Amino acid sequence: MSSLQVRIGLERGVQGRSLAWALDFPGAFAYGKDDAEALLALPRALIQFESWVGLHSDASWVRLPEFGLKVTESFETYIADEDYEVNAFFKDDRKPPTALEIARALDIHRWQREELLAGVETLSPELVTRMLPGQRWNINGILNHIGRVEYWYLSNTNLALPSADSLVHNPFRLLETTYSLVNKLLPELEGEASVIEQGPETWSARKLLRRLLWHQRDHIEHIKELAGIPL
């Protein structure tokens, strides 16, 4: 019996690192200092992802009893307009998402959000508002960033959004707003095949799903790291 071949998209130059995307499993990815290190880290990330989905679902769709990795695409990030990092658009991103794929993405996004909020609730107000050395934001700032980026991701589609001026500055209320928008609007992307050029970057419905789940998970892990710093 042949093993499952998990298709990989490699994105080089993401804040100086390589990022291996599991294209068949949005929400699963791994970093490395180079391609080889990212690819070595991905099997463990996939196994962790399988376990994490299984903990949240009685009918998990992630089953990886035996698998191999197949790099199918790669992309070099680059800087445009002096400080804008243009991120990967893979051929795979052109595929219109199905209703099932969107439903699964919404499940993952919800479970991530629950993990994010539950984790932050356990932190002291001092740690949440404290600026730690070498960091761009405190934890409240990271929460605000997650919400703002979610809105921005949604804006890179043909979806109808409320004005950005209506977004509140309270990070928890902002997260409530963008969570509601994600759940309301993502189902409208079923079968959406549009490829949209927004400035120097290319977007599609599938790229939106991929980056939405990556971004929230990436910052959950970031907050976990900060929470482990002793006061």
C-alpha atoms as a PDB file:
ATOM      1  CA  MET A   1       0.000   0.000   0.000  1.00  0.00           C
ATOM      2  CA  SER A   2       1.521   3.323  -1.100  1.00  0.00           C
ATOM      3  CA  SER A   3       1.806   6.170   1.358  1.00  0.00           C
ATOM      4  CA  LEU A   4      -0.045   9.461   1.049  1.00  0.00           C
ATOM      5  CA  GLN A   5       1.990  12.123  -0.740  1.00  0.00           C
ATOM      6  CA  VAL A   6       1.459  15.462   0.992  1.00  0.00           C
ATOM      7  CA  ARG A   7       2.040  18.280  -1.481  1.00  0.00           C
ATOM      8  CA  ILE A   8       4.337  21.028  -0.207  1.00  0.00           C
ATOM      9  CA  GLY A   9       4.697  24.655  -1.215  1.00  0.00           C
ATOM     10  CA  LEU A  10       7.987  26.199  -0.113  1.00  0.00           C
ATOM     11  CA  GLU A  11       8.094  29.926   0.591  1.00  0.00           C
ATOM     12  CA  ARG A  12      11.564  31.340   1.014  1.00  0.00           C
ATOM     13  CA  GLY A  13      12.530  34.571   2.727  1.00  0.00           C
ATOM     14  CA  VAL A  14       9.682  34.822   5.246  1.00  0.00           C
ATOM     15  CA  GLN A  15      11.383  37.047   7.813  1.00  0.00           C
ATOM     16  CA  GLY A  16      14.655  35.404   6.848  1.00  0.00           C
ATOM     17  CA  ARG A  17      13.340  31.826   7.036  1.00  0.00           C
ATOM     18  CA  SER A  18      11.847  29.157   4.823  1.00  0.00           C
ATOM     19  CA  LEU A  19       8.208  28.211   5.349  1.00  0.00           C
ATOM     20  CA  ALA A  20       6.912  24.805   4.262  1.00  0.00           C
ATOM     21  CA  TRP A  21       3.161  24.836   3.606  1.00  0.00           C
ATOM     22  CA  ALA A  22       1.208  21.563   3.623  1.00  0.00           C
ATOM     23  CA  LEU A  23      -1.020  22.505   0.688  1.00  0.00           C
ATOM     24  CA  ASP A  24      -3.409  19.605   1.323  1.00  0.00           C
ATOM     25  CA  PHE A  25      -3.850  20.539   4.988  1.00  0.00           C
ATOM     26  CA  PRO A  26      -4.413  24.293   5.480  1.00  0.00           C
ATOM     27  CA  GLY A  27      -3.338  25.174   9.004  1.00  0.00           C
ATOM     28  CA  ALA A  28      -0.303  22.857   8.930  1.00  0.00           C
ATOM     29  CA  PHE A  29       3.105  24.367   8.229  1.00  0.00           C
ATOM     30  CA  ALA A  30       6.680  24.459   9.496  1.00  0.00           C
ATOM     31  CA  TYR A  31       9.563  26.939   9.547  1.00  0.00           C
ATOM     32  CA  GLY A  32      13.263  26.367   9.080  1.00  0.00           C
ATOM     33  CA  LYS A  33      16.398  28.418   8.589  1.00  0.00           C
ATOM     34  CA  ASP A  34      16.444  26.961   5.062  1.00  0.00           C
ATOM     35  CA  ASP A  35      14.360  24.625   2.884  1.00  0.00           C
ATOM     36  CA  ALA A  36      15.927  21.469   4.279  1.00  0.00           C
ATOM     37  CA  GLU A  37      15.250  22.414   7.887  1.00  0.00           C
ATOM     38  CA  ALA A  38      11.656  23.414   7.127  1.00  0.00           C
ATOM     39  CA  LEU A  39      11.037  20.106   5.344  1.00  0.00           C
ATOM     40  CA  LEU A  40      12.562  18.169   8.234  1.00  0.00           C
ATOM     41  CA  ALA A  41      10.254  19.988  10.667  1.00  0.00           C
ATOM     42  CA  LEU A  42       7.078  19.475   8.638  1.00  0.00           C
ATOM     43  CA  PRO A  43       6.371  15.777   9.408  1.00  0.00           C
ATOM     44  CA  ARG A  44       6.265  16.539  13.135  1.00  0.00           C
ATOM     45  CA  ALA A  45       4.042  19.559  12.465  1.00  0.00           C
ATOM     46  CA  LEU A  46       1.673  17.378  10.442  1.00  0.00           C
ATOM     47  CA  ILE A  47       1.469  14.751  13.178  1.00  0.00           C
ATOM     48  CA  GLN A  48       0.775  17.481  15.755  1.00  0.00           C
ATOM     49  CA  PHE A  49      -1.867  18.948  13.452  1.00  0.00           C
ATOM     50  CA  GLU A  50      -3.513  15.540  13.053  1.00  0.00           C
ATOM     51  CA  SER A  51      -3.608  15.104  16.839  1.00  0.00           C
ATOM     52  CA  TRP A  52      -4.908  18.657  17.406  1.00  0.00           C
ATOM     53  CA  VAL A  53      -7.776  18.265  14.919  1.00  0.00           C
ATOM     54  CA  GLY A  54      -8.572  14.859  16.418  1.00  0.00           C
ATOM     55  CA  LEU A  55      -8.894  16.392  19.882  1.00  0.00           C
ATOM     56  CA  HIS A  56     -11.503  18.830  18.564  1.00  0.00           C
ATOM     57  CA  SER A  57     -13.491  16.560  16.275  1.00  0.00           C
ATOM     58  CA  ASP A  58     -15.105  13.151  16.685  1.00  0.00           C
ATOM     59  CA  ALA A  59     -14.905  12.718  12.907  1.00  0.00           C
ATOM     60  CA  SER A  60     -11.438  14.054  12.100  1.00  0.00           C
ATOM     61  CA  TRP A  61     -10.663  14.451   8.400  1.00  0.00           C
ATOM     62  CA  VAL A  62      -6.905  14.446   9.041  1.00  0.00           C
ATOM     63  CA  ARG A  63      -5.591  10.876   8.966  1.00  0.00           C
ATOM     64  CA  LEU A  64      -1.900  10.366   8.329  1.00  0.00           C
ATOM     65  CA  PRO A  65      -0.986   6.760   9.163  1.00  0.00           C
ATOM     66  CA  GLU A  66       1.829   6.866   6.583  1.00  0.00           C
ATOM     67  CA  PHE A  67       2.839   9.770   4.404  1.00  0.00           C
ATOM     68  CA  GLY A  68       5.585  11.258   2.313  1.00  0.00           C
ATOM     69  CA  LEU A  69       6.333  14.818   1.279  1.00  0.00           C
ATOM     70  CA  LYS A  70       6.404  16.077  -2.281  1.00  0.00           C
ATOM     71  CA  VAL A  71       7.573  19.620  -2.997  1.00  0.00           C
ATOM     72  CA  THR A  72       5.413  20.816  -5.874  1.00  0.00           C
ATOM     73  CA  GLU A  73       6.004  24.583  -5.811  1.00  0.00           C
ATOM     74  CA  SER A  74       8.310  27.230  -4.437  1.00  0.00           C
ATOM     75  CA  PHE A  75       8.222  31.010  -4.165  1.00  0.00           C
ATOM     76  CA  GLU A  76      10.768  33.645  -3.235  1.00  0.00           C
ATOM     77  CA  THR A  77       9.289  36.461  -1.170  1.00  0.00           C
ATOM     78  CA  TYR A  78      10.475  39.925  -2.080  1.00  0.00           C
ATOM     79  CA  ILE A  79      10.149  43.482  -0.873  1.00  0.00           C
ATOM     80  CA  ALA A  80       8.109  45.942  -2.914  1.00  0.00           C
ATOM     81  CA  ASP A  81       7.417  49.610  -2.255  1.00  0.00           C
ATOM     82  CA  GLU A  82      10.387  49.716   0.148  1.00  0.00           C
ATOM     83  CA  ASP A  83       8.799  47.813   3.062  1.00  0.00           C
ATOM     84  CA  TYR A  84       5.980  45.590   1.712  1.00  0.00           C
ATOM     85  CA  GLU A  85       6.810  41.870   1.802  1.00  0.00           C
ATOM     86  CA  VAL A  86       5.101  40.115  -1.116  1.00  0.00           C
ATOM     87  CA  ASN A  87       4.168  36.603  -0.045  1.00  0.00           C
ATOM     88  CA  ALA A  88       3.664  33.403  -1.988  1.00  0.00           C
ATOM     89  CA  PHE A  89       0.971  32.852  -4.535  1.00  0.00           C
ATOM     90  CA  PHE A  90       1.111  29.197  -5.579  1.00  0.00           C
ATOM     91  CA  LYS A  91      -0.539  27.594  -8.595  1.00  0.00           C
ATOM     92  CA  ASP A  92      -2.524  25.627  -6.026  1.00  0.00           C
ATOM     93  CA  ASP A  93      -4.019  28.924  -4.799  1.00  0.00           C
ATOM     94  CA  ARG A  94      -5.893  29.240  -8.097  1.00  0.00           C
ATOM     95  CA  LYS A  95      -8.184  26.313  -7.248  1.00  0.00           C
ATOM     96  CA  PRO A  96     -11.643  27.468  -6.111  1.00  0.00           C
ATOM     97  CA  PRO A  97     -12.375  26.220  -2.587  1.00  0.00           C
ATOM     98  CA  THR A  98     -15.228  23.792  -2.090  1.00  0.00           C
ATOM     99  CA  ALA A  99     -17.966  24.121   0.518  1.00  0.00           C
ATOM    100  CA  LEU A 100     -16.363  21.277   2.487  1.00  0.00           C
ATOM    101  CA  GLU A 101     -12.934  22.938   2.463  1.00  0.00           C
ATOM    102  CA  ILE A 102     -14.441  26.199   3.695  1.00  0.00           C
ATOM    103  CA  ALA A 103     -16.381  24.417   6.430  1.00  0.00           C
ATOM    104  CA  ARG A 104     -13.199  22.722   7.610  1.00  0.00           C
ATOM    105  CA  ALA A 105     -11.273  26.002   7.515  1.00  0.00           C
ATOM    106  CA  LEU A 106     -13.984  27.628   9.635  1.00  0.00           C
ATOM    107  CA  ASP A 107     -13.736  24.793  12.151  1.00  0.00           C
ATOM    108  CA  ILE A 108      -9.966  25.208  12.407  1.00  0.00           C
ATOM    109  CA  HIS A 109     -10.272  28.984  12.701  1.00  0.00           C
ATOM    110  CA  ARG A 110     -12.862  28.592  15.494  1.00  0.00           C
ATOM    111  CA  TRP A 111     -10.754  26.089  17.428  1.00  0.00           C
ATOM    112  CA  GLN A 112      -7.724  28.331  17.076  1.00  0.00           C
ATOM    113  CA  ARG A 113      -9.698  31.329  18.310  1.00  0.00           C
ATOM    114  CA  GLU A 114     -10.961  29.402  21.316  1.00  0.00           C
ATOM    115  CA  GLU A 115      -7.383  28.374  22.122  1.00  0.00           C
ATOM    116  CA  LEU A 116      -6.157  31.945  21.691  1.00  0.00           C
ATOM    117  CA  LEU A 117      -8.759  33.530  23.956  1.00  0.00           C
ATOM    118  CA  ALA A 118      -8.613  30.800  26.588  1.00  0.00           C
ATOM    119  CA  GLY A 119      -4.833  31.155  26.769  1.00  0.00           C
ATOM    120  CA  VAL A 120      -4.869  34.937  27.062  1.00  0.00           C
ATOM    121  CA  GLU A 121      -7.493  34.791  29.832  1.00  0.00           C
ATOM    122  CA  THR A 122      -4.981  32.947  32.043  1.00  0.00           C
ATOM    123  CA  LEU A 123      -2.355  35.704  31.765  1.00  0.00           C
ATOM    124  CA  SER A 124      -1.911  38.514  34.244  1.00  0.00           C
ATOM    125  CA  PRO A 125      -2.977  42.012  33.120  1.00  0.00           C
ATOM    126  CA  GLU A 126       0.612  43.122  33.713  1.00  0.00           C
ATOM    127  CA  LEU A 127       2.002  40.601  31.225  1.00  0.00           C
ATOM    128  CA  VAL A 128      -0.701  41.320  28.632  1.00  0.00           C
ATOM    129  CA  THR A 129       0.108  45.040  28.617  1.00  0.00           C
ATOM    130  CA  ARG A 130       3.853  44.880  29.245  1.00  0.00           C
ATOM    131  CA  MET A 131       6.311  45.607  26.423  1.00  0.00           C
ATOM    132  CA  LEU A 132       8.899  42.859  26.436  1.00  0.00           C
ATOM    133  CA  PRO A 133      12.450  43.414  25.147  1.00  0.00           C
ATOM    134  CA  GLY A 134      12.913  42.919  21.424  1.00  0.00           C
ATOM    135  CA  GLN A 135       9.174  42.776  20.703  1.00  0.00           C
ATOM    136  CA  ARG A 136       7.214  44.966  18.302  1.00  0.00           C
ATOM    137  CA  TRP A 137       3.998  44.736  20.347  1.00  0.00           C
ATOM    138  CA  ASN A 138       2.813  43.680  23.766  1.00  0.00           C
ATOM    139  CA  ILE A 139       0.281  40.828  23.882  1.00  0.00           C
ATOM    140  CA  ASN A 140      -2.669  43.206  23.572  1.00  0.00           C
ATOM    141  CA  GLY A 141      -0.945  44.627  20.506  1.00  0.00           C
ATOM    142  CA  ILE A 142      -0.608  41.142  19.017  1.00  0.00           C
ATOM    143  CA  LEU A 143      -4.337  40.527  19.526  1.00  0.00           C
ATOM    144  CA  ASN A 144      -5.116  43.811  17.810  1.00  0.00           C
ATOM    145  CA  HIS A 145      -2.754  42.851  14.982  1.00  0.00           C
ATOM    146  CA  ILE A 146      -4.529  39.504  14.479  1.00  0.00           C
ATOM    147  CA  GLY A 147      -7.874  41.274  14.103  1.00  0.00           C
ATOM    148  CA  ARG A 148      -6.541  43.973  11.768  1.00  0.00           C
ATOM    149  CA  VAL A 149      -4.809  41.442   9.536  1.00  0.00           C
ATOM    150  CA  GLU A 150      -7.924  39.260   9.356  1.00  0.00           C
ATOM    151  CA  TYR A 151      -9.859  42.270   8.105  1.00  0.00           C
ATOM    152  CA  TRP A 152      -7.091  43.034   5.619  1.00  0.00           C
ATOM    153  CA  TYR A 153      -7.042  39.450   4.341  1.00  0.00           C
ATOM    154  CA  LEU A 154     -10.799  39.612   3.732  1.00  0.00           C
ATOM    155  CA  SER A 155     -10.364  42.931   1.909  1.00  0.00           C
ATOM    156  CA  ASN A 156      -8.159  41.221  -0.693  1.00  0.00           C
ATOM    157  CA  THR A 157     -11.209  39.487  -2.191  1.00  0.00           C
ATOM    158  CA  ASN A 158     -14.453  40.584  -3.802  1.00  0.00           C
ATOM    159  CA  LEU A 159     -16.290  40.240  -0.493  1.00  0.00           C
ATOM    160  CA  ALA A 160     -18.377  43.173   0.731  1.00  0.00           C
ATOM    161  CA  LEU A 161     -16.895  44.482   3.984  1.00  0.00           C
ATOM    162  CA  PRO A 162     -17.890  47.251   6.375  1.00  0.00           C
ATOM    163  CA  SER A 163     -15.627  50.286   6.343  1.00  0.00           C
ATOM    164  CA  ALA A 164     -12.326  49.878   8.153  1.00  0.00           C
ATOM    165  CA  ASP A 165     -13.216  53.076   9.997  1.00  0.00           C
ATOM    166  CA  SER A 166     -15.866  51.087  11.877  1.00  0.00           C
ATOM    167  CA  LEU A 167     -13.278  48.782  13.478  1.00  0.00           C
ATOM    168  CA  VAL A 168     -12.818  49.349  17.189  1.00  0.00           C
ATOM    169  CA  HIS A 169      -9.467  49.665  18.948  1.00  0.00           C
ATOM    170  CA  ASN A 170     -10.286  47.332  21.839  1.00  0.00           C
ATOM    171  CA  PRO A 171      -8.476  44.097  20.843  1.00  0.00           C
ATOM    172  CA  PHE A 172     -11.111  41.724  22.210  1.00  0.00           C
ATOM    173  CA  ARG A 173     -13.999  43.544  20.557  1.00  0.00           C
ATOM    174  CA  LEU A 174     -11.997  43.719  17.339  1.00  0.00           C
ATOM    175  CA  LEU A 175     -11.448  39.962  17.446  1.00  0.00           C
ATOM    176  CA  GLU A 176     -15.196  39.460  17.963  1.00  0.00           C
ATOM    177  CA  THR A 177     -15.886  41.634  14.913  1.00  0.00           C
ATOM    178  CA  THR A 178     -13.438  39.918  12.588  1.00  0.00           C
ATOM    179  CA  TYR A 179     -14.461  36.465  13.830  1.00  0.00           C
ATOM    180  CA  SER A 180     -18.061  37.275  12.907  1.00  0.00           C
ATOM    181  CA  LEU A 181     -16.967  38.574   9.508  1.00  0.00           C
ATOM    182  CA  VAL A 182     -14.927  35.449   8.792  1.00  0.00           C
ATOM    183  CA  ASN A 183     -17.860  33.184   9.650  1.00  0.00           C
ATOM    184  CA  LYS A 184     -20.347  35.264   7.694  1.00  0.00           C
ATOM    185  CA  LEU A 185     -18.294  35.856   4.558  1.00  0.00           C
ATOM    186  CA  LEU A 186     -16.097  32.807   3.994  1.00  0.00           C
ATOM    187  CA  PRO A 187     -19.008  30.600   2.838  1.00  0.00           C
ATOM    188  CA  GLU A 188     -19.522  33.110   0.016  1.00  0.00           C
ATOM    189  CA  LEU A 189     -16.138  32.035  -1.383  1.00  0.00           C
ATOM    190  CA  GLU A 190     -17.382  28.574  -2.353  1.00  0.00           C
ATOM    191  CA  GLY A 191     -16.346  28.022  -5.961  1.00  0.00           C
ATOM    192  CA  GLU A 192     -14.719  31.465  -6.160  1.00  0.00           C
ATOM    193  CA  ALA A 193     -12.109  31.346  -8.931  1.00  0.00           C
ATOM    194  CA  SER A 194     -11.141  35.033  -9.067  1.00  0.00           C
ATOM    195  CA  VAL A 195      -7.453  35.893  -8.954  1.00  0.00           C
ATOM    196  CA  ILE A 196      -7.031  39.445  -7.722  1.00  0.00           C
ATOM    197  CA  GLU A 197      -4.028  41.731  -8.039  1.00  0.00           C
ATOM    198  CA  GLN A 198      -3.821  44.014  -5.018  1.00  0.00           C
ATOM    199  CA  GLY A 199      -0.832  46.253  -5.591  1.00  0.00           C
ATOM    200  CA  PRO A 200       2.225  44.024  -5.946  1.00  0.00           C
ATOM    201  CA  GLU A 201       0.586  40.938  -4.426  1.00  0.00           C
ATOM    202  CA  THR A 202      -1.713  38.295  -5.924  1.00  0.00           C
ATOM    203  CA  TRP A 203      -4.683  36.942  -3.969  1.00  0.00           C
ATOM    204  CA  SER A 204      -7.394  34.323  -4.299  1.00  0.00           C
ATOM    205  CA  ALA A 205      -9.969  32.648  -2.086  1.00  0.00           C
ATOM    206  CA  ARG A 206      -7.703  29.676  -1.419  1.00  0.00           C
ATOM    207  CA  LYS A 207      -4.748  31.884  -0.531  1.00  0.00           C
ATOM    208  CA  LEU A 208      -7.012  33.742   1.907  1.00  0.00           C
ATOM    209  CA  LEU A 209      -7.930  30.471   3.664  1.00  0.00           C
ATOM    210  CA  ARG A 210      -4.302  29.351   3.771  1.00  0.00           C
ATOM    211  CA  ARG A 211      -2.944  32.569   5.237  1.00  0.00           C
ATOM    212  CA  LEU A 212      -5.868  33.136   7.618  1.00  0.00           C
ATOM    213  CA  LEU A 213      -5.203  29.849   9.413  1.00  0.00           C
ATOM    214  CA  TRP A 214      -1.434  30.292   9.315  1.00  0.00           C
ATOM    215  CA  HIS A 215      -1.528  33.822  10.742  1.00  0.00           C
ATOM    216  CA  GLN A 216      -3.688  33.037  13.756  1.00  0.00           C
ATOM    217  CA  ARG A 217      -1.706  29.877  14.593  1.00  0.00           C
ATOM    218  CA  ASP A 218       1.606  31.698  14.134  1.00  0.00           C
ATOM    219  CA  HIS A 219       0.635  34.359  16.677  1.00  0.00           C
ATOM    220  CA  ILE A 220      -0.843  31.848  19.121  1.00  0.00           C
ATOM    221  CA  GLU A 221       2.606  30.271  19.245  1.00  0.00           C
ATOM    222  CA  HIS A 222       4.173  33.741  19.526  1.00  0.00           C
ATOM    223  CA  ILE A 223       2.018  34.562  22.567  1.00  0.00           C
ATOM    224  CA  LYS A 224       2.863  31.215  24.139  1.00  0.00           C
ATOM    225  CA  GLU A 225       6.551  32.106  23.830  1.00  0.00           C
ATOM    226  CA  LEU A 226       6.004  35.510  25.417  1.00  0.00           C
ATOM    227  CA  ALA A 227       3.908  34.027  28.220  1.00  0.00           C
ATOM    228  CA  GLY A 228       6.830  31.781  29.098  1.00  0.00           C
ATOM    229  CA  ILE A 229       9.108  34.745  29.755  1.00  0.00           C
ATOM    230  CA  PRO A 230       9.388  35.191  33.546  1.00  0.00           C
ATOM    231  CA  LEU A 231       8.241  38.542  34.975  1.00  0.00           C
END
